Amino acid sequence: MCKKTNFFLSSHMIYVPLFSSILGFCEILLQNDNMLSLAERMQFTEFIREATQDQLGIVNNLLDWTRIESGRMHTDFRDLDLYEIMNKSIHSFLGLAYKKRNPSGQSSS
């Protein structure tokens, strides 16, 4: 039962919130391309890139977890940069926040 729960939690991490943020930024870019400044478009594109890299990291971690569970890989503990992790987590919600703040599609500048 524990393995199923861990897999469910890990698979849930794949979907939420990164895909929602990626989709939110893509919708903003597609619907408001002529209203956004170049700086806003570049910033949103960077957020999409970062969220996509984070998503790939989660998928790779999930694959590593299955390898560890099957005994084909061993763990290696290391220090983490908590500030960087929190910063990326906050950025992953910015697309949704921007979309909620500007539901009519108006640019903030």
Protein backbone atom coordinates (compact mmCIF):
# COMPACT_ATOMS: atom_id res chain seq x y z
CA MET A 1 0.00 0.00 0.00
CA CYS A 2 2.86 2.42 0.80
CA LYS A 3 4.40 1.95 -2.66
CA LYS A 4 1.07 2.78 -4.32
CA THR A 5 0.70 5.89 -2.15
CA ASN A 6 4.23 7.08 -2.95
CA PHE A 7 3.64 6.50 -6.65
CA PHE A 8 0.34 8.39 -6.52
CA LEU A 9 1.93 11.34 -4.72
CA SER A 10 4.85 11.40 -7.14
CA SER A 11 2.60 11.19 -10.18
CA HIS A 12 0.42 13.97 -8.76
CA MET A 13 3.55 16.16 -8.54
CA ILE A 14 4.00 15.70 -12.29
CA TYR A 15 0.67 17.36 -13.02
CA VAL A 16 0.22 20.02 -10.39
CA PRO A 17 1.20 22.88 -10.42
CA LEU A 18 3.84 22.89 -13.14
CA PHE A 19 1.62 21.90 -16.05
CA SER A 20 -0.99 24.41 -14.97
CA SER A 21 1.62 27.15 -14.83
CA ILE A 22 3.10 26.18 -18.20
CA LEU A 23 -0.34 26.16 -19.79
CA GLY A 24 -1.24 29.45 -18.10
CA PHE A 25 1.84 31.21 -19.45
CA CYS A 26 1.29 29.72 -22.94
CA GLU A 27 -2.32 30.93 -22.97
CA ILE A 28 -1.24 34.42 -21.89
CA LEU A 29 1.39 34.54 -24.63
CA LEU A 30 -0.98 33.25 -27.31
CA GLN A 31 -3.95 35.44 -26.37
CA ASN A 32 -2.06 38.65 -25.57
CA ASP A 33 0.95 38.59 -27.86
CA ASN A 34 0.36 42.08 -29.26
CA MET A 35 -0.41 43.56 -25.81
CA LEU A 36 2.66 42.25 -24.00
CA SER A 37 5.97 44.04 -23.99
CA LEU A 38 9.07 42.23 -25.22
CA ALA A 39 10.31 42.06 -21.60
CA GLU A 40 7.05 40.40 -20.48
CA ARG A 41 7.17 37.88 -23.34
CA MET A 42 10.80 37.06 -22.52
CA GLN A 43 10.01 36.70 -18.81
CA PHE A 44 7.03 34.40 -19.48
CA THR A 45 9.09 32.33 -21.91
CA GLU A 46 11.79 31.96 -19.25
CA PHE A 47 9.16 30.85 -16.70
CA ILE A 48 7.91 28.24 -19.20
CA ARG A 49 11.47 26.99 -19.74
CA GLU A 50 12.14 26.77 -16.00
CA ALA A 51 8.85 24.99 -15.31
CA THR A 52 9.52 22.54 -18.14
CA GLN A 53 13.00 21.78 -16.77
CA ASP A 54 11.48 21.27 -13.31
CA GLN A 55 8.86 18.94 -14.81
CA LEU A 56 11.60 16.92 -16.50
CA GLY A 57 13.43 16.74 -13.17
CA ILE A 58 10.32 15.36 -11.47
CA VAL A 59 9.89 12.72 -14.18
CA ASN A 60 13.56 11.75 -13.86
CA ASN A 61 13.23 11.57 -10.07
CA LEU A 62 10.19 9.34 -10.41
CA LEU A 63 12.10 7.06 -12.76
CA ASP A 64 15.05 7.02 -10.35
CA TRP A 65 12.68 6.16 -7.50
CA THR A 66 11.38 3.15 -9.42
CA ARG A 67 14.99 2.06 -10.04
CA ILE A 68 15.80 2.39 -6.33
CA GLU A 69 12.68 0.42 -5.41
CA SER A 70 13.69 -2.36 -7.80
CA GLY A 71 17.28 -2.42 -6.50
CA ARG A 72 18.82 -1.28 -9.78
CA MET A 73 20.07 2.00 -8.24
CA HIS A 74 21.41 3.13 -4.88
CA THR A 75 20.72 6.41 -3.08
CA ASP A 76 23.25 9.21 -2.60
CA PHE A 77 22.35 11.80 0.04
CA ARG A 78 23.47 15.42 -0.51
CA ASP A 79 22.79 18.95 0.67
CA LEU A 80 20.10 20.97 -1.12
CA ASP A 81 19.77 24.69 -1.77
CA LEU A 82 16.43 25.34 -0.06
CA TYR A 83 16.34 28.97 -1.27
CA GLU A 84 16.61 27.85 -4.90
CA ILE A 85 13.94 25.18 -4.44
CA MET A 86 11.52 27.67 -2.84
CA ASN A 87 12.24 30.30 -5.50
CA LYS A 88 11.44 27.81 -8.28
CA SER A 89 8.27 26.74 -6.47
CA ILE A 90 7.09 30.33 -6.23
CA HIS A 91 7.85 30.96 -9.92
CA SER A 92 5.82 27.89 -10.86
CA PHE A 93 2.68 29.64 -9.57
CA LEU A 94 3.27 33.01 -11.27
CA GLY A 95 1.47 32.06 -14.51
CA LEU A 96 -1.66 31.16 -12.62
CA ALA A 97 -1.44 34.27 -10.45
CA TYR A 98 -0.94 36.54 -13.47
CA LYS A 99 -3.87 34.93 -15.27
CA LYS A 100 -6.14 35.39 -12.22
CA ARG A 101 -5.01 38.99 -11.77
CA ASN A 102 -5.65 39.81 -15.44
CA PRO A 103 -8.58 37.59 -16.52
CA SER A 104 -9.52 39.95 -19.37
CA GLY A 105 -6.11 39.52 -20.99
CA GLN A 106 -4.95 43.08 -20.36
CA SER A 107 -1.22 43.64 -20.04
CA SER A 108 -0.01 44.99 -16.70
CA SER A 109 2.24 47.64 -18.30
